[in-house]
Amino acid sequence: MRALYRMPLILLLTGIASASMIVPAAVALAEEEFHDARSFFYAGIVGMVLTALIAIAQATRRHNKSASRQLVALMAAFVLLPAMLAVPFHEAVRTTTFLNAFFEMVSSLTTTGATLFEPGRLSSAEHLWRAQVGWMGGLLMWVAAAAILAPLTLGGFEITARGEPGQAVDAGAVRRDMSDPAERLGASSRLLVPIYAALTLALWIMLMIAGDSPLVAISHAMSTMATSGISPVGGPMNAGSGVAGEMIIFCFLFFALSRLTFSGDTGTSYRPGLREDPEFRMGLSIAILVPAVLFLRHWIASFEVGEEQNWLLGFRALWGGVFTALSFLSTTGFESADWAQAQGWSGLATPGLILMGLTIIGGGVATTAGGVKLLRIYALFLAGKRELERLVHPHSVGHSGVMARRMRRHGAFVAWVFFMMFAMSIAALSLVFSLFRLDFENAMVLTIAGLTNCGPLIQAAAEVPVDLGALGIGAKLTLCAAMVLGRLELLAIIALLTPGLWRD
């Protein structure tokens, strides 16, 4: 086992991905889809053999195991690994180009969930492969957050850590945590993989009990834990479990609001208990406030159409708003079946700008959710609150403790820098999309969906959804770049270019 941890990270991920191809091959064989079974089985066998040969050739070679190299390997995984994952998918589908298959795998691995294919076009094995790749991408981010991003104070950890982004907190941390990041990667995997798998298994069983078929249940379970929003039937609204399934999924969406809901393994900075965790509390507040405002808006409008006394429609509209708000806040992107009911009840359409705002806020640090992240929003909130207090009492002294003062100063500064870089990324990518003859609205929706890793936003936010299949090669590759950029975050990519990160 220790020998596996000492393999280069990209090679280890390639071997795991190759071995995982056996699962859709077995499903296709059980359904007598022999072409799909051969496509996944042969690709998996070839991938495992090549990985084993390269591992043997590299066994006696010493590798640089610094955290910066692991960060490079993580970036390479999101850029290069989809090309390998696309081989069996492209061979199985047969009626698509390799670029489309590559786009689909980038979207799945980054947990974005944007798709070029209608649900009826893909077989069960192909649907399972998309959900499975998204599930593995979410697990990769869970593990990488503790093993790679936390020691380098990246991915949101820079808000509360004393070190600069891309650097360790102190020299002791370098010797203790970063001398052998492979060991840290192994420890994080041993801790988090069983939790991730157990939660997925529990959700799968609950959804099947609620009435979903095994394929739909496992796809939605994987997509919920990975916040990828991948579905073989177009989301829970078309699943057999109905409202019961939505309620079950709703409970598991909370794992995307804070890492403390499932682990406290990142010890680079002090984190309070779940009840006092600012991320979890802010996420709950947003998930309650936004649906309440939407409900009141629709309730007032219902007086004009004479439906103000229809309590059943009102409660269904409220549930649709609560589920959809939390789903887009976690960047999962599932819509409730009652989301459209709220609009029909009042006669008012819900503007997609609200959904875009929720995805930009995003979920918790070191979770599978995308977006700016709740902790950064909280740091900006604390800084703004303190500035308003000083306007009233210029000579007042803050009384929130050392950690809050650090977050208001250093944390808020770094959060503001990240937010500005995020805004500039939106502007730059929107400009690039406009060069491919997309109008402003669609270019903005594609950009935000890519940077926040929330692919279902493309269909939910735009008045006229973008036909991804009709996009040109340049637009598809740009959207792939946006998805990778949103998954790794621009701050981490800039840190890779910092000379200080590569010094011994």
Protein backbone atom coordinates (compact mmCIF):
# COMPACT_ATOMS: atom_id res chain seq x y z
CA MET A 1 0.00 0.00 0.00
CA ARG A 2 2.84 2.40 0.79
CA ALA A 3 4.27 1.72 -2.66
CA LEU A 4 1.01 2.94 -4.22
CA TYR A 5 1.17 6.21 -2.30
CA ARG A 6 4.70 6.80 -3.57
CA MET A 7 3.59 6.60 -7.20
CA PRO A 8 3.17 9.92 -9.05
CA LEU A 9 -0.31 11.25 -8.35
CA ILE A 10 -1.31 11.50 -12.00
CA LEU A 11 -0.25 7.87 -12.58
CA LEU A 12 -2.19 6.71 -9.52
CA LEU A 13 -5.31 8.53 -10.72
CA THR A 14 -4.92 7.02 -14.18
CA GLY A 15 -4.82 3.53 -12.71
CA ILE A 16 -7.88 4.14 -10.56
CA ALA A 17 -9.81 5.57 -13.51
CA SER A 18 -8.86 2.59 -15.69
CA ALA A 19 -9.97 0.10 -13.05
CA SER A 20 -13.29 1.92 -12.60
CA MET A 21 -14.17 1.28 -16.26
CA ILE A 22 -14.95 -2.33 -15.34
CA VAL A 23 -18.12 -1.19 -13.53
CA PRO A 24 -19.97 0.23 -16.59
CA ALA A 25 -18.64 -2.73 -18.60
CA ALA A 26 -20.34 -5.12 -16.17
CA VAL A 27 -23.59 -3.12 -16.32
CA ALA A 28 -23.56 -3.17 -20.12
CA LEU A 29 -22.85 -6.90 -20.13
CA ALA A 30 -25.77 -7.52 -17.77
CA GLU A 31 -28.06 -5.60 -20.14
CA GLU A 32 -26.60 -7.41 -23.16
CA GLU A 33 -25.19 -4.16 -24.60
CA PHE A 34 -22.13 -5.98 -25.85
CA HIS A 35 -20.59 -3.11 -27.79
CA ASP A 36 -20.65 -0.88 -24.72
CA ALA A 37 -19.30 -3.74 -22.58
CA ARG A 38 -16.37 -4.28 -24.95
CA SER A 39 -15.65 -0.54 -25.19
CA PHE A 40 -15.32 -0.04 -21.44
CA PHE A 41 -13.70 -3.41 -20.71
CA TYR A 42 -10.98 -3.15 -23.36
CA ALA A 43 -10.21 0.46 -22.45
CA GLY A 44 -10.00 -0.44 -18.77
CA ILE A 45 -7.70 -3.42 -19.36
CA VAL A 46 -5.39 -1.46 -21.67
CA GLY A 47 -5.30 1.45 -19.22
CA MET A 48 -4.42 -0.78 -16.26
CA VAL A 49 -1.70 -2.61 -18.22
CA LEU A 50 -0.08 0.63 -19.39
CA THR A 51 -0.30 2.10 -15.89
CA ALA A 52 1.34 -1.00 -14.42
CA LEU A 53 4.16 -0.94 -17.00
CA ILE A 54 4.87 2.75 -16.39
CA ALA A 55 4.74 2.22 -12.61
CA ILE A 56 7.28 -0.61 -12.89
CA ALA A 57 9.55 1.54 -15.06
CA GLN A 58 9.33 4.40 -12.56
CA ALA A 59 9.69 2.24 -9.44
CA THR A 60 13.40 2.89 -8.90
CA ARG A 61 13.24 6.55 -9.77
CA ARG A 62 13.02 9.20 -7.07
CA HIS A 63 10.17 11.65 -7.54
CA ASN A 64 9.79 15.16 -6.20
CA LYS A 65 6.97 14.82 -3.68
CA SER A 66 6.66 18.46 -2.71
CA ALA A 67 3.20 19.95 -2.29
CA SER A 68 3.78 22.16 -5.33
CA ARG A 69 4.34 19.06 -7.47
CA GLN A 70 1.15 17.55 -6.12
CA LEU A 71 -0.68 20.75 -7.07
CA VAL A 72 0.74 20.48 -10.59
CA ALA A 73 -0.39 16.86 -10.73
CA LEU A 74 -3.88 17.88 -9.61
CA MET A 75 -4.06 20.44 -12.40
CA ALA A 76 -2.77 17.88 -14.90
CA ALA A 77 -5.46 15.45 -13.75
CA PHE A 78 -8.25 17.86 -14.69
CA VAL A 79 -6.61 18.72 -18.01
CA LEU A 80 -5.22 15.38 -19.24
CA LEU A 81 -7.25 12.69 -17.48
CA PRO A 82 -10.52 13.55 -19.33
CA ALA A 83 -8.83 12.59 -22.61
CA MET A 84 -8.31 9.06 -21.30
CA LEU A 85 -11.78 8.90 -19.76
CA ALA A 86 -13.29 9.98 -23.07
CA VAL A 87 -11.87 7.01 -25.02
CA PRO A 88 -14.41 4.35 -23.92
CA PHE A 89 -17.25 6.89 -23.89
CA HIS A 90 -16.50 7.96 -27.45
CA GLU A 91 -16.20 4.35 -28.59
CA ALA A 92 -19.45 3.38 -26.85
CA VAL A 93 -21.58 6.27 -28.16
CA ARG A 94 -20.20 5.92 -31.73
CA THR A 95 -22.30 8.82 -33.09
CA THR A 96 -20.29 11.69 -31.64
CA THR A 97 -16.88 13.29 -32.05
CA PHE A 98 -13.98 12.80 -29.68
CA LEU A 99 -14.16 16.51 -28.80
CA ASN A 100 -17.71 16.06 -27.56
CA ALA A 101 -16.67 13.05 -25.51
CA PHE A 102 -13.73 15.02 -24.08
CA PHE A 103 -16.06 17.91 -23.22
CA GLU A 104 -18.42 15.49 -21.46
CA MET A 105 -15.60 14.03 -19.36
CA VAL A 106 -14.21 17.46 -18.42
CA SER A 107 -17.69 18.48 -17.37
CA SER A 108 -18.12 15.30 -15.31
CA LEU A 109 -14.68 15.24 -13.68
CA THR A 110 -14.92 18.89 -12.62
CA THR A 111 -18.42 18.12 -11.21
CA THR A 112 -19.94 20.71 -13.54
CA GLY A 113 -22.54 18.41 -15.09
CA ALA A 114 -23.09 20.28 -18.37
CA THR A 115 -23.98 17.80 -21.09
CA LEU A 116 -24.22 17.69 -24.87
CA PHE A 117 -26.51 14.67 -24.99
CA GLU A 118 -30.20 14.18 -24.47
CA PRO A 119 -30.95 11.50 -21.81
CA GLY A 120 -32.53 9.14 -24.33
CA ARG A 121 -29.46 9.12 -26.54
CA LEU A 122 -27.19 7.37 -24.02
CA SER A 123 -27.34 3.82 -22.72
CA SER A 124 -27.39 2.83 -19.06
CA ALA A 125 -23.65 2.15 -19.01
CA GLU A 126 -22.89 5.53 -20.57
CA HIS A 127 -25.12 7.34 -18.08
CA LEU A 128 -23.47 5.45 -15.24
CA TRP A 129 -20.01 6.34 -16.54
CA ARG A 130 -20.84 10.06 -16.55
CA ALA A 131 -22.16 9.92 -13.00
CA GLN A 132 -19.25 7.76 -11.88
CA VAL A 133 -16.63 10.13 -13.30
CA GLY A 134 -18.37 13.04 -11.56
CA TRP A 135 -18.40 11.05 -8.31
CA MET A 136 -14.68 10.36 -8.58
CA GLY A 137 -14.02 14.03 -9.32
CA GLY A 138 -15.87 15.01 -6.16
CA LEU A 139 -13.91 12.48 -4.11
CA LEU A 140 -10.68 13.80 -5.59
CA MET A 141 -11.52 17.30 -4.37
CA TRP A 142 -12.43 16.02 -0.90
CA VAL A 143 -9.03 14.32 -0.58
CA ALA A 144 -7.02 17.03 -2.34
CA ALA A 145 -8.44 19.73 -0.05
CA ALA A 146 -6.86 18.14 3.02
CA ALA A 147 -3.74 16.71 1.39
CA ILE A 148 -2.76 19.43 -1.10
CA LEU A 149 -4.71 22.68 -0.75
CA ALA A 150 -4.76 22.99 3.05
CA PRO A 151 -0.94 22.81 3.51
CA LEU A 152 -0.54 25.47 0.83
CA THR A 153 -3.35 27.64 2.28
CA LEU A 154 -5.30 27.59 -0.99
CA GLY A 155 -8.87 26.80 -1.94
CA GLY A 156 -10.36 29.03 0.78
CA PHE A 157 -7.99 28.07 3.60
CA GLU A 158 -6.13 31.33 3.03
CA ILE A 159 -8.97 33.21 4.74
CA THR A 160 -8.20 32.01 8.27
CA ALA A 161 -4.59 30.81 7.93
CA ARG A 162 -1.68 32.97 8.97
CA GLY A 163 0.39 32.12 5.91
CA GLU A 164 0.22 33.68 2.47
CA PRO A 165 -1.71 31.86 -0.28
CA GLY A 166 0.49 29.21 -1.85
CA GLN A 167 2.83 29.05 1.14
CA ALA A 168 2.90 27.01 4.33
CA VAL A 169 1.92 28.65 7.61
CA ASP A 170 5.34 28.22 9.17
CA ALA A 171 8.55 26.30 8.71
CA GLY A 172 7.42 23.64 11.15
CA ALA A 173 4.41 22.98 9.01
CA VAL A 174 6.68 22.47 6.04
CA ARG A 175 8.72 19.85 7.84
CA ARG A 176 5.77 18.19 9.51
CA ASP A 177 3.09 18.20 6.77
CA MET A 178 4.81 18.85 3.47
CA SER A 179 8.00 16.76 3.75
CA ASP A 180 6.00 13.77 2.45
CA PRO A 181 2.67 14.89 0.99
CA ALA A 182 2.17 11.34 -0.30
CA GLU A 183 1.71 10.16 3.28
CA ARG A 184 -0.76 12.97 3.90
CA LEU A 185 -2.60 11.98 0.73
CA GLY A 186 -2.80 8.39 1.94
CA ALA A 187 -4.03 9.40 5.39
CA SER A 188 -6.72 11.65 3.92
CA SER A 189 -7.82 8.88 1.56
CA ARG A 190 -8.12 6.34 4.36
CA LEU A 191 -10.27 8.77 6.33
CA LEU A 192 -12.50 10.23 3.62
CA VAL A 193 -13.07 7.45 1.08
CA PRO A 194 -15.12 5.27 3.49
CA ILE A 195 -17.22 8.29 4.55
CA TYR A 196 -17.85 9.35 0.96
CA ALA A 197 -18.71 5.83 -0.17
CA ALA A 198 -20.94 5.14 2.85
CA LEU A 199 -22.94 8.34 2.36
CA THR A 200 -23.39 7.56 -1.34
CA LEU A 201 -24.50 4.01 -0.55
CA ALA A 202 -26.98 5.23 2.06
CA LEU A 203 -28.47 7.78 -0.34
CA TRP A 204 -28.68 5.17 -3.11
CA ILE A 205 -30.62 2.76 -0.90
CA MET A 206 -32.97 5.51 0.34
CA LEU A 207 -33.77 6.65 -3.20
CA MET A 208 -34.50 3.10 -4.33
CA ILE A 209 -36.83 2.63 -1.36
CA ALA A 210 -38.55 5.89 -2.34
CA GLY A 211 -39.29 4.50 -5.81
CA ASP A 212 -36.33 5.24 -8.11
CA SER A 213 -34.87 2.59 -10.38
CA PRO A 214 -31.35 1.39 -9.45
CA LEU A 215 -29.67 3.38 -12.27
CA VAL A 216 -31.50 6.61 -11.49
CA ALA A 217 -30.96 6.17 -7.76
CA ILE A 218 -27.19 5.55 -8.01
CA SER A 219 -26.76 8.38 -10.53
CA HIS A 220 -28.60 10.87 -8.32
CA ALA A 221 -26.77 9.62 -5.23
CA MET A 222 -23.37 10.09 -6.88
CA SER A 223 -24.38 13.45 -8.34
CA THR A 224 -25.66 14.73 -5.01
CA MET A 225 -22.50 13.83 -3.10
CA ALA A 226 -20.31 15.23 -5.89
CA THR A 227 -22.63 18.23 -6.52
CA SER A 228 -22.37 17.44 -10.26
CA GLY A 229 -26.09 17.50 -11.09
CA ILE A 230 -25.70 14.60 -13.54
CA SER A 231 -28.92 12.69 -14.14
CA PRO A 232 -30.06 10.03 -16.65
CA VAL A 233 -33.64 11.38 -16.56
CA GLY A 234 -33.12 15.15 -16.39
CA GLY A 235 -33.16 15.52 -12.60
CA PRO A 236 -35.24 14.48 -9.59
CA MET A 237 -38.30 16.17 -11.10
CA ASN A 238 -38.53 13.29 -13.61
CA ALA A 239 -37.61 10.52 -11.17
CA GLY A 240 -40.05 8.00 -9.78
CA SER A 241 -39.40 8.91 -6.15
CA GLY A 242 -41.14 12.28 -6.52
CA VAL A 243 -41.21 14.66 -3.57
CA ALA A 244 -39.94 11.94 -1.20
CA GLY A 245 -36.79 11.61 -3.30
CA GLU A 246 -36.32 15.38 -3.31
CA MET A 247 -36.57 15.48 0.48
CA ILE A 248 -33.96 12.73 0.80
CA ILE A 249 -31.58 14.49 -1.59
CA PHE A 250 -32.23 17.77 0.25
CA CYS A 251 -30.84 16.31 3.47
CA PHE A 252 -27.59 15.26 1.75
CA LEU A 253 -27.07 18.65 0.09
CA PHE A 254 -26.01 20.06 3.46
CA PHE A 255 -22.69 18.22 3.15
CA ALA A 256 -21.72 20.82 0.53
CA LEU A 257 -22.18 23.76 2.92
CA SER A 258 -19.31 23.00 5.26
CA ARG A 259 -16.52 20.45 5.53
CA LEU A 260 -17.30 20.12 9.22
CA THR A 261 -20.46 18.22 8.27
CA PHE A 262 -18.29 15.20 7.43
CA SER A 263 -14.69 15.82 8.52
CA GLY A 264 -12.42 18.01 10.61
CA ASP A 265 -9.18 16.73 9.10
CA THR A 266 -7.81 20.07 7.84
CA GLY A 267 -5.94 21.51 10.77
CA THR A 268 -4.22 24.50 9.18
CA SER A 269 -6.43 26.88 11.13
CA TYR A 270 -8.92 26.89 13.94
CA ARG A 271 -12.41 25.80 12.98
CA PRO A 272 -15.32 25.92 15.44
CA GLY A 273 -18.01 23.29 15.91
CA LEU A 274 -20.75 22.88 13.35
CA ARG A 275 -23.25 24.95 15.33
CA GLU A 276 -20.83 27.90 15.41
CA ASP A 277 -19.40 27.32 11.95
CA PRO A 278 -19.86 30.56 9.95
CA GLU A 279 -20.10 28.72 6.63
CA PHE A 280 -22.89 26.42 7.75
CA ARG A 281 -24.84 29.20 9.43
CA MET A 282 -24.52 31.53 6.44
CA GLY A 283 -25.51 28.74 4.07
CA LEU A 284 -28.61 28.00 6.14
CA SER A 285 -29.48 31.70 6.24
CA ILE A 286 -29.25 32.04 2.47
CA ALA A 287 -31.18 28.80 1.90
CA ILE A 288 -33.99 30.17 4.09
CA LEU A 289 -33.97 33.84 3.10
CA VAL A 290 -33.98 33.47 -0.70
CA PRO A 291 -36.95 31.03 -0.86
CA ALA A 292 -38.84 33.19 1.66
CA VAL A 293 -38.41 36.29 -0.50
CA LEU A 294 -39.44 34.36 -3.61
CA PHE A 295 -42.46 32.91 -1.81
CA LEU A 296 -43.63 36.36 -0.69
CA ARG A 297 -43.10 37.68 -4.20
CA HIS A 298 -45.21 34.91 -5.70
CA TRP A 299 -47.76 35.14 -2.88
CA ILE A 300 -48.36 38.84 -3.50
CA ALA A 301 -48.63 38.22 -7.23
CA SER A 302 -51.14 35.43 -6.65
CA PHE A 303 -53.73 38.02 -5.57
CA GLU A 304 -53.86 39.21 -9.17
CA VAL A 305 -54.75 35.74 -10.45
CA GLY A 306 -57.10 34.81 -7.61
CA GLU A 307 -54.97 31.97 -6.19
CA GLU A 308 -54.00 33.54 -2.87
CA GLN A 309 -56.12 31.08 -0.87
CA ASN A 310 -54.78 27.94 -2.53
CA TRP A 311 -52.63 26.79 0.40
CA LEU A 312 -51.56 23.54 -1.25
CA LEU A 313 -50.07 25.35 -4.23
CA GLY A 314 -48.48 27.81 -1.84
CA PHE A 315 -46.70 25.16 0.22
CA ARG A 316 -45.61 23.30 -2.91
CA ALA A 317 -44.21 26.54 -4.27
CA LEU A 318 -42.37 27.14 -0.98
CA TRP A 319 -40.86 23.65 -1.04
CA GLY A 320 -39.81 24.09 -4.68
CA GLY A 321 -38.02 27.31 -3.76
CA VAL A 322 -36.27 25.84 -0.70
CA PHE A 323 -35.00 22.75 -2.53
CA THR A 324 -33.91 24.61 -5.67
CA ALA A 325 -32.20 27.39 -3.70
CA LEU A 326 -30.12 24.95 -1.64
CA SER A 327 -29.38 22.89 -4.74
CA PHE A 328 -28.00 25.85 -6.68
CA LEU A 329 -26.23 27.24 -3.61
CA SER A 330 -24.35 23.95 -3.39
CA THR A 331 -23.82 24.18 -7.20
CA THR A 332 -25.58 20.83 -7.69
CA GLY A 333 -28.20 22.36 -9.97
CA PHE A 334 -31.14 20.01 -9.39
CA GLU A 335 -34.53 21.67 -9.86
CA SER A 336 -37.57 20.68 -7.83
CA ALA A 337 -40.68 19.49 -9.63
CA ASP A 338 -42.49 22.27 -7.75
CA TRP A 339 -40.10 24.98 -8.93
CA ALA A 340 -42.19 25.50 -12.05
CA GLN A 341 -45.31 25.24 -9.85
CA ALA A 342 -44.30 28.43 -8.05
CA GLN A 343 -44.23 30.31 -11.33
CA GLY A 344 -47.54 28.87 -12.52
CA TRP A 345 -49.16 29.64 -9.17
CA SER A 346 -48.37 33.34 -9.31
CA GLY A 347 -48.02 33.94 -13.02
CA LEU A 348 -44.51 35.36 -12.50
CA ALA A 349 -41.34 33.83 -13.84
CA THR A 350 -38.38 33.58 -11.45
CA PRO A 351 -35.43 35.50 -12.89
CA GLY A 352 -32.37 33.37 -13.61
CA LEU A 353 -30.23 36.10 -12.05
CA ILE A 354 -31.21 34.75 -8.61
CA LEU A 355 -29.94 31.28 -9.50
CA MET A 356 -26.75 32.76 -10.92
CA GLY A 357 -26.20 34.70 -7.70
CA LEU A 358 -26.64 31.55 -5.61
CA THR A 359 -24.11 29.62 -7.67
CA ILE A 360 -21.59 32.47 -7.49
CA ILE A 361 -21.81 32.41 -3.67
CA GLY A 362 -21.27 28.64 -3.75
CA GLY A 363 -20.83 26.16 -0.92
CA GLY A 364 -18.27 25.50 1.75
CA VAL A 365 -14.49 25.50 1.60
CA ALA A 366 -12.91 22.09 0.86
CA THR A 367 -16.21 20.58 -0.29
CA THR A 368 -17.27 19.51 -3.77
CA ALA A 369 -19.21 22.75 -4.27
CA GLY A 370 -17.94 25.49 -6.56
CA GLY A 371 -18.37 29.26 -6.55
CA VAL A 372 -16.64 31.94 -4.49
CA LYS A 373 -17.31 29.90 -1.30
CA LEU A 374 -19.25 30.84 1.82
CA LEU A 375 -16.19 31.50 3.99
CA ARG A 376 -14.95 34.22 1.64
CA ILE A 377 -18.41 35.81 1.59
CA TYR A 378 -18.47 35.67 5.40
CA ALA A 379 -15.06 37.38 5.61
CA LEU A 380 -16.30 40.20 3.37
CA PHE A 381 -19.47 40.42 5.49
CA LEU A 382 -17.42 40.80 8.69
CA ALA A 383 -15.23 43.48 7.13
CA GLY A 384 -18.25 45.41 5.84
CA LYS A 385 -20.02 45.15 9.19
CA ARG A 386 -16.95 46.48 10.98
CA GLU A 387 -16.62 49.39 8.57
CA LEU A 388 -20.26 50.36 9.17
CA GLU A 389 -19.64 50.26 12.93
CA ARG A 390 -16.68 52.60 12.53
CA LEU A 391 -18.81 55.04 10.55
CA VAL A 392 -21.09 55.33 13.58
CA HIS A 393 -18.36 55.07 16.23
CA PRO A 394 -15.01 55.99 14.61
CA HIS A 395 -12.96 55.22 17.75
CA SER A 396 -14.63 51.93 18.62
CA VAL A 397 -12.59 48.76 19.15
CA GLY A 398 -13.65 45.42 17.71
CA HIS A 399 -14.45 42.79 20.32
CA SER A 400 -14.83 39.59 18.32
CA GLY A 401 -11.57 37.87 19.25
CA VAL A 402 -8.25 37.22 17.55
CA MET A 403 -9.62 34.93 14.83
CA ALA A 404 -12.37 37.36 13.83
CA ARG A 405 -9.89 40.26 13.70
CA ARG A 406 -7.58 38.24 11.48
CA MET A 407 -10.49 37.33 9.21
CA ARG A 408 -11.66 40.97 9.02
CA ARG A 409 -8.20 42.15 8.03
CA HIS A 410 -6.08 39.57 6.26
CA GLY A 411 -8.96 37.24 5.42
CA ALA A 412 -11.17 39.97 3.99
CA PHE A 413 -8.27 41.35 1.94
CA VAL A 414 -7.50 37.96 0.39
CA ALA A 415 -11.21 37.30 -0.15
CA TRP A 416 -11.61 40.63 -1.91
CA VAL A 417 -8.59 39.89 -4.13
CA PHE A 418 -10.09 36.52 -5.04
CA PHE A 419 -13.50 38.09 -5.70
CA MET A 420 -11.94 40.66 -8.01
CA MET A 421 -10.04 37.97 -9.89
CA PHE A 422 -13.29 35.99 -10.15
CA ALA A 423 -15.06 39.06 -11.56
CA MET A 424 -12.26 39.68 -14.06
CA SER A 425 -12.44 36.03 -15.11
CA ILE A 426 -16.16 36.46 -15.76
CA ALA A 427 -15.50 39.55 -17.85
CA ALA A 428 -12.67 37.94 -19.84
CA LEU A 429 -14.49 34.67 -20.55
CA SER A 430 -17.70 36.48 -21.46
CA LEU A 431 -15.72 38.51 -23.96
CA VAL A 432 -14.22 35.33 -25.42
CA PHE A 433 -17.65 33.73 -25.73
CA SER A 434 -18.95 36.84 -27.45
CA LEU A 435 -16.24 36.37 -30.10
CA PHE A 436 -17.98 33.11 -30.97
CA ARG A 437 -21.20 35.05 -31.74
CA LEU A 438 -23.03 34.38 -28.49
CA ASP A 439 -25.23 37.15 -27.17
CA PHE A 440 -24.50 38.81 -23.83
CA GLU A 441 -27.00 36.78 -21.79
CA ASN A 442 -25.91 33.39 -23.06
CA ALA A 443 -22.22 34.30 -22.81
CA MET A 444 -22.72 35.36 -19.19
CA VAL A 445 -24.66 32.21 -18.31
CA LEU A 446 -22.03 29.94 -19.89
CA THR A 447 -19.24 31.78 -18.10
CA ILE A 448 -20.84 31.61 -14.66
CA ALA A 449 -21.91 27.99 -15.16
CA GLY A 450 -18.32 27.07 -16.03
CA LEU A 451 -16.58 29.05 -13.30
CA THR A 452 -19.00 27.89 -10.59
CA ASN A 453 -19.08 24.27 -11.85
CA CYS A 454 -22.87 24.30 -12.10
CA GLY A 455 -23.75 22.99 -15.56
CA PRO A 456 -27.54 22.76 -15.02
CA LEU A 457 -27.52 26.56 -14.68
CA ILE A 458 -27.24 26.73 -18.48
CA GLN A 459 -30.73 25.30 -18.86
CA ALA A 460 -32.28 26.95 -15.80
CA ALA A 461 -31.02 30.55 -15.90
CA ALA A 462 -31.26 31.58 -19.55
CA GLU A 463 -34.57 32.63 -21.05
CA VAL A 464 -33.64 30.61 -24.14
CA PRO A 465 -31.21 27.86 -23.07
CA VAL A 466 -27.99 27.54 -25.01
CA ASP A 467 -27.73 24.54 -27.31
CA LEU A 468 -24.30 23.25 -26.28
CA GLY A 469 -24.20 20.78 -29.14
CA ALA A 470 -24.44 23.63 -31.65
CA LEU A 471 -21.41 25.44 -30.23
CA GLY A 472 -18.24 25.52 -32.28
CA ILE A 473 -14.93 23.95 -31.35
CA GLY A 474 -13.55 27.17 -29.89
CA ALA A 475 -16.59 27.79 -27.68
CA LYS A 476 -16.53 24.21 -26.34
CA LEU A 477 -12.82 24.39 -25.53
CA THR A 478 -13.34 27.77 -23.86
CA LEU A 479 -16.09 26.31 -21.70
CA CYS A 480 -13.78 23.40 -20.82
CA ALA A 481 -11.12 25.90 -19.74
CA ALA A 482 -13.70 27.76 -17.64
CA MET A 483 -14.73 24.53 -15.89
CA VAL A 484 -11.12 23.61 -15.06
CA LEU A 485 -10.41 27.17 -13.92
CA GLY A 486 -13.47 27.15 -11.69
CA ARG A 487 -12.55 23.78 -10.17
CA LEU A 488 -8.93 24.66 -9.37
CA GLU A 489 -9.55 28.38 -8.76
CA LEU A 490 -7.44 31.14 -10.29
CA LEU A 491 -5.59 31.73 -7.01
CA ALA A 492 -4.15 28.20 -7.10
CA ILE A 493 -3.11 28.57 -10.74
CA ILE A 494 -1.39 31.88 -9.96
CA ALA A 495 0.34 30.21 -7.01
CA LEU A 496 1.77 27.63 -9.41
CA LEU A 497 3.48 30.47 -11.28
CA THR A 498 5.03 31.92 -8.12
CA PRO A 499 8.79 31.20 -7.94
CA GLY A 500 8.70 31.00 -4.15
CA LEU A 501 6.46 27.96 -4.30
CA TRP A 502 9.14 25.98 -6.12
CA ARG A 503 12.04 26.83 -3.80
CA ASP A 504 13.23 24.10 -1.47
